[in-house]
Each structure stands twice: as C-alpha cells, then as structure tokens.
C-alpha cells in the first residue's frame, strides 16, 4: 500500500504491483509505503478519502504465474505446499485444489491453520482468518484476493496489468496526478519486475480447468474483458 497526495495504490499479489511501487517511490516525492499487500480496509483514516488505483490481470495467467513462481522456490509458501501436496501434484491438480477452496472442507482448514494469524507485511500477507471467508463465496482464489484487497473503496480505478504501460498514466491523471515526460518514459521502457518463468499460458490448461477458472473468476473476466488465450 502506497499513499500519495492524490491517491492510494494497493498492490494485488502478482499483478504488476512491484513495478508500480518502484515507479511511485521513484517519481513522487511524497509517496509513502504504508504496508505490503494490505487491503483497503486497513488504510489509515487520514487517507481514507483518497481514490484507489490498482491493477488486475487475466486470471488464467495469474494461476500459471503463481504456480510457476512457487514451484521454483527452494521453500514454497504454505498455500502452495498444501495445495500441491508438497510439490507432488502437477499444475492442473494444484490449481483445481486452489479453485475449490471456496467449497470449504479439510484442505481449506489446513491452509487457514498454516497461514499467519495476523498481517505480517511479508509474502502474500493474507492471514488465515481472512482466507477462511472464501468458503461459500463461489469465488476462485484470485477473485477472492482481488475482492479482499479492493472492497470498500468508494472511488476506484482498476487497470489491467497486461496493458499497464498504456493504462497507468491514464489512471494517474484520472486521480489528479500530473504525468510528465520522464515519468512516461520510465513507464514505457523500464523492464518488467518480479516476473515468473513459464511458457504460454494457454498451454497449461485443458478444457475442464480452463472452464472452471472462467466460472470461478467470472467477475474479473467479465468486468475487464478478458478472453482465454488473448492476453
């Protein structure tokens, strides 16, 4: 979470936030980082009047990026370890388990118990009691996480990570933040940050898993105009 004079930016997990954080702290002298992956409901009262800007991404791409990043780490986080059965399950089985957390059951209880009890400003920064609210929601994990992060803001502008270099300047201007030439140059040409190493997103999905993501993450897909294989 970064607050500025004109807006607050929330960093949704694996959705371009590291790039935006670096940009804001580099170019806006008054920008202050108030926490890591913190949701809107935790913004200090003195900043609650600010408009929110944020990013989302293609949910199919999110699951590929998340799985690839965690599976390549020496010590994956508890969420990955439980959903993948300590790395024994492949992408499809692991992500299906992730999409089924909304149905509750023993796996959700295990993940909730393994996650931190409170916000820690590290990693995913999602306490177990917050994830427990996914039960009965019908949401996929990514849609749940986006709702958890952005819900409650009365004024919000959410761009698409895949078009961030074009959309970020417009998001800033819409909040009253001037964007000068050097800022536009940095956004257009700076290298991507914190990228996962993986192949083409569509190659990871069979029809059944593709359609399950479409069902569970339908709100983001419809709102932001995503189509499988296009981003």
Protein backbone atom coordinates (compact mmCIF):
# COMPACT_ATOMS: atom_id res chain seq x y z
CA UNK A 1 0.00 0.00 0.00
CA UNK A 2 1.43 3.35 -1.11
CA UNK A 3 -0.28 6.63 -0.28
CA UNK A 4 0.34 9.90 -2.10
CA UNK A 5 -1.22 13.33 -2.05
CA UNK A 6 -3.71 12.39 -4.74
CA UNK A 7 -4.40 8.65 -4.44
CA UNK A 8 -3.59 5.34 -2.78
CA UNK A 9 -2.17 2.38 -4.69
CA UNK A 10 -2.85 -1.17 -3.50
CA UNK A 11 -0.54 -3.98 -4.58
CA UNK A 12 -2.60 -7.02 -5.57
CA UNK A 13 -0.47 -10.17 -5.50
CA UNK A 14 1.39 -10.97 -8.75
CA UNK A 15 -0.44 -8.27 -10.71
CA UNK A 16 2.25 -5.76 -11.62
CA UNK A 17 2.44 -4.09 -8.24
CA UNK A 18 6.22 -4.31 -7.80
CA UNK A 19 6.70 -2.28 -10.99
CA UNK A 20 4.20 0.37 -9.89
CA UNK A 21 5.63 0.56 -6.36
CA UNK A 22 9.09 1.25 -7.77
CA UNK A 23 7.73 3.90 -10.10
CA UNK A 24 5.74 5.73 -7.42
CA UNK A 25 8.57 5.78 -4.90
CA UNK A 26 10.99 6.98 -7.57
CA UNK A 27 8.93 9.80 -9.06
CA UNK A 28 6.52 11.06 -6.37
CA UNK A 29 8.47 12.68 -3.52
CA UNK A 30 5.53 12.50 -1.10
CA UNK A 31 4.77 8.81 -1.73
CA UNK A 32 4.84 6.68 1.42
CA UNK A 33 4.75 2.90 1.65
CA UNK A 34 2.34 2.03 4.48
CA UNK A 35 2.50 -1.77 4.30
CA UNK A 36 2.82 -4.71 1.95
CA UNK A 37 -0.17 -6.32 0.18
CA UNK A 38 -2.51 -4.61 2.64
CA UNK A 39 -6.22 -4.30 1.77
CA UNK A 40 -8.19 -1.08 1.53
CA UNK A 41 -10.00 -1.72 4.81
CA UNK A 42 -6.68 -1.26 6.64
CA UNK A 43 -5.92 2.16 5.21
CA UNK A 44 -5.45 4.78 7.92
CA UNK A 45 -8.43 7.06 8.46
CA UNK A 46 -6.44 10.11 7.40
CA UNK A 47 -6.05 8.62 3.91
CA UNK A 48 -9.49 7.02 3.53
CA UNK A 49 -10.73 9.96 1.44
CA UNK A 50 -8.21 9.21 -1.30
CA UNK A 51 -9.26 7.47 -4.52
CA UNK A 52 -7.85 3.98 -5.03
CA UNK A 53 -5.90 2.83 -8.03
CA UNK A 54 -4.93 -0.79 -8.61
CA UNK A 55 -4.31 -3.48 -11.21
CA UNK A 56 -5.76 -6.87 -12.06
CA UNK A 57 -4.62 -9.48 -14.53
CA UNK A 58 -6.02 -12.31 -16.62
CA UNK A 59 -6.96 -14.95 -14.01
CA UNK A 60 -5.73 -17.82 -16.19
CA UNK A 61 -2.36 -16.07 -16.29
CA UNK A 62 -2.40 -15.44 -12.56
CA UNK A 63 -2.62 -19.15 -11.72
CA UNK A 64 0.19 -20.01 -14.12
CA UNK A 65 2.38 -17.26 -12.70
CA UNK A 66 1.63 -18.21 -9.09
CA UNK A 67 2.27 -21.93 -9.66
CA UNK A 68 5.47 -21.32 -11.63
CA UNK A 69 6.86 -18.89 -9.08
CA UNK A 70 6.12 -21.08 -6.08
CA UNK A 71 7.21 -24.37 -7.68
CA UNK A 72 10.62 -22.85 -8.50
CA UNK A 73 11.26 -21.55 -4.98
CA UNK A 74 13.51 -23.52 -2.59
CA UNK A 75 10.89 -23.03 0.12
CA UNK A 76 7.40 -22.50 -1.29
CA UNK A 77 4.80 -20.86 0.92
CA UNK A 78 2.28 -22.89 2.99
CA UNK A 79 -0.52 -22.26 0.50
CA UNK A 80 1.43 -23.91 -2.30
CA UNK A 81 2.73 -26.75 -0.13
CA UNK A 82 -0.75 -27.77 0.97
CA UNK A 83 -2.48 -27.33 -2.38
CA UNK A 84 0.27 -29.20 -4.25
CA UNK A 85 0.77 -31.85 -1.56
CA UNK A 86 4.36 -30.69 -1.07
CA UNK A 87 5.03 -30.41 -4.78
CA UNK A 88 3.78 -33.87 -5.74
CA UNK A 89 0.80 -32.57 -7.72
CA UNK A 90 1.06 -31.02 -11.17
CA UNK A 91 -0.26 -27.62 -12.26
CA UNK A 92 -3.78 -28.77 -13.09
CA UNK A 93 -4.34 -30.67 -9.85
CA UNK A 94 -2.82 -27.92 -7.71
CA UNK A 95 -4.83 -25.14 -9.31
CA UNK A 96 -8.02 -27.19 -9.17
CA UNK A 97 -7.44 -27.51 -5.42
CA UNK A 98 -6.96 -23.74 -5.28
CA UNK A 99 -10.19 -23.08 -7.16
CA UNK A 100 -12.06 -25.46 -4.86
CA UNK A 101 -11.14 -23.62 -1.65
CA UNK A 102 -14.47 -21.81 -1.91
CA UNK A 103 -16.18 -25.15 -1.21
CA UNK A 104 -14.59 -25.41 2.24
CA UNK A 105 -13.51 -28.76 3.62
CA UNK A 106 -10.34 -30.17 5.11
CA UNK A 107 -7.95 -28.58 2.64
CA UNK A 108 -9.22 -25.07 3.34
CA UNK A 109 -8.99 -25.72 7.08
CA UNK A 110 -5.39 -26.89 6.66
CA UNK A 111 -4.43 -23.78 4.68
CA UNK A 112 -6.15 -21.45 7.15
CA UNK A 113 -4.28 -23.09 10.01
CA UNK A 114 -0.93 -22.86 8.18
CA UNK A 115 -1.21 -19.18 7.25
CA UNK A 116 -0.11 -16.45 9.69
CA UNK A 117 -2.59 -15.47 12.38
CA UNK A 118 -2.10 -11.75 11.64
CA UNK A 119 -0.84 -9.40 8.95
CA UNK A 120 2.94 -9.57 8.73
CA UNK A 121 3.93 -7.33 5.76
CA UNK A 122 5.71 -10.30 4.16
CA UNK A 123 4.91 -12.60 1.26
CA UNK A 124 1.23 -12.96 0.37
CA UNK A 125 0.36 -11.24 3.68
CA UNK A 126 -3.00 -12.97 3.96
CA UNK A 127 -3.89 -14.12 7.49
CA UNK A 128 -5.71 -17.40 7.86
CA UNK A 129 -8.84 -15.80 9.27
CA UNK A 130 -9.14 -13.66 6.13
CA UNK A 131 -8.83 -16.63 3.76
CA UNK A 132 -11.49 -18.51 5.75
CA UNK A 133 -14.01 -16.04 4.29
CA UNK A 134 -13.60 -17.67 0.87
CA UNK A 135 -15.81 -20.55 1.98
CA UNK A 136 -19.20 -20.32 0.33
CA UNK A 137 -18.19 -17.32 -1.79
CA UNK A 138 -18.14 -19.19 -5.11
CA UNK A 139 -15.02 -17.23 -6.00
CA UNK A 140 -11.75 -18.52 -7.34
CA UNK A 141 -8.71 -17.66 -5.24
CA UNK A 142 -7.67 -14.76 -7.45
CA UNK A 143 -11.13 -13.20 -7.49
CA UNK A 144 -11.35 -13.63 -3.73
CA UNK A 145 -7.97 -11.95 -3.30
CA UNK A 146 -8.94 -9.01 -5.52
CA UNK A 147 -12.19 -8.55 -3.61
CA UNK A 148 -10.30 -8.78 -0.31
CA UNK A 149 -7.86 -6.08 -1.45
CA UNK A 150 -10.15 -3.57 -3.14
CA UNK A 151 -13.54 -3.96 -1.47
CA UNK A 152 -14.81 -0.92 0.40
CA UNK A 153 -13.20 1.85 -1.64
CA UNK A 154 -15.83 4.34 -2.74
CA UNK A 155 -13.71 5.65 -5.64
CA UNK A 156 -11.52 3.21 -7.51
CA UNK A 157 -9.84 2.91 -10.89
CA UNK A 158 -8.54 -0.56 -11.73
CA UNK A 159 -6.34 -1.13 -14.77
CA UNK A 160 -5.14 -4.27 -16.50
CA UNK A 161 -1.62 -5.45 -15.82
CA UNK A 162 -1.18 -6.63 -19.39
CA UNK A 163 -1.75 -3.07 -20.67
CA UNK A 164 -0.17 -1.33 -17.72
CA UNK A 165 2.30 0.73 -19.73
CA UNK A 166 -0.61 2.32 -21.59
CA UNK A 167 -3.15 2.43 -18.77
CA UNK A 168 -1.06 3.51 -15.78
CA UNK A 169 -0.57 7.12 -16.97
CA UNK A 170 -4.33 7.42 -17.51
CA UNK A 171 -5.07 6.03 -14.04
CA UNK A 172 -2.74 8.59 -12.50
CA UNK A 173 -4.17 11.51 -14.46
CA UNK A 174 -7.72 10.46 -13.52
CA UNK A 175 -6.75 10.93 -9.86
CA UNK A 176 -5.27 14.38 -10.43
CA UNK A 177 -1.65 13.24 -10.61
CA UNK A 178 0.32 15.01 -13.39
CA UNK A 179 2.47 12.69 -15.50
CA UNK A 180 5.47 14.34 -17.14
CA UNK A 181 7.77 13.15 -19.91
CA UNK A 182 10.35 11.33 -17.76
CA UNK A 183 7.56 9.51 -15.93
CA UNK A 184 6.00 8.37 -19.20
CA UNK A 185 9.43 7.33 -20.48
CA UNK A 186 10.09 5.21 -17.39
CA UNK A 187 6.69 3.51 -17.58
CA UNK A 188 7.11 2.77 -21.29
CA UNK A 189 10.67 1.44 -21.25
CA UNK A 190 11.68 0.13 -17.82
CA UNK A 191 11.99 -3.66 -17.66
CA UNK A 192 9.30 -5.75 -16.05
CA UNK A 193 9.97 -6.77 -12.45
CA UNK A 194 9.36 -9.93 -10.43
CA UNK A 195 8.28 -11.98 -13.44
CA UNK A 196 7.73 -15.72 -13.24
CA UNK A 197 9.45 -18.06 -15.68
CA UNK A 198 6.83 -20.06 -17.57
CA UNK A 199 5.56 -20.94 -21.02
CA UNK A 200 2.48 -19.77 -22.90
CA UNK A 201 -0.47 -19.57 -20.53
CA UNK A 202 -2.88 -21.45 -22.77
CA UNK A 203 -0.56 -24.46 -22.90
CA UNK A 204 -1.13 -25.17 -19.20
CA UNK A 205 -4.88 -25.66 -19.49
CA UNK A 206 -7.17 -28.42 -20.59
CA UNK A 207 -10.77 -27.57 -21.37
CA UNK A 208 -12.10 -28.54 -17.94
CA UNK A 209 -9.68 -26.41 -15.92
CA UNK A 210 -10.00 -23.53 -18.37
CA UNK A 211 -13.77 -23.54 -17.89
CA UNK A 212 -13.50 -23.83 -14.12
CA UNK A 213 -11.38 -20.66 -13.99
CA UNK A 214 -13.95 -18.97 -16.25
CA UNK A 215 -16.69 -19.92 -13.79
CA UNK A 216 -14.97 -19.11 -10.51
CA UNK A 217 -13.27 -15.91 -11.71
CA UNK A 218 -16.14 -14.74 -13.91
CA UNK A 219 -16.46 -11.31 -12.27
CA UNK A 220 -12.92 -10.20 -13.14
CA UNK A 221 -13.06 -11.82 -16.57
CA UNK A 222 -16.32 -10.06 -17.49
CA UNK A 223 -15.55 -6.69 -15.89
CA UNK A 224 -12.16 -6.35 -17.56
CA UNK A 225 -12.92 -8.03 -20.87
CA UNK A 226 -10.57 -10.99 -20.60
CA UNK A 227 -10.76 -13.91 -23.00
CA UNK A 228 -8.79 -17.11 -22.71
CA UNK A 229 -5.59 -17.07 -24.73
CA UNK A 230 -5.78 -13.40 -25.71
CA UNK A 231 -3.60 -11.84 -23.04
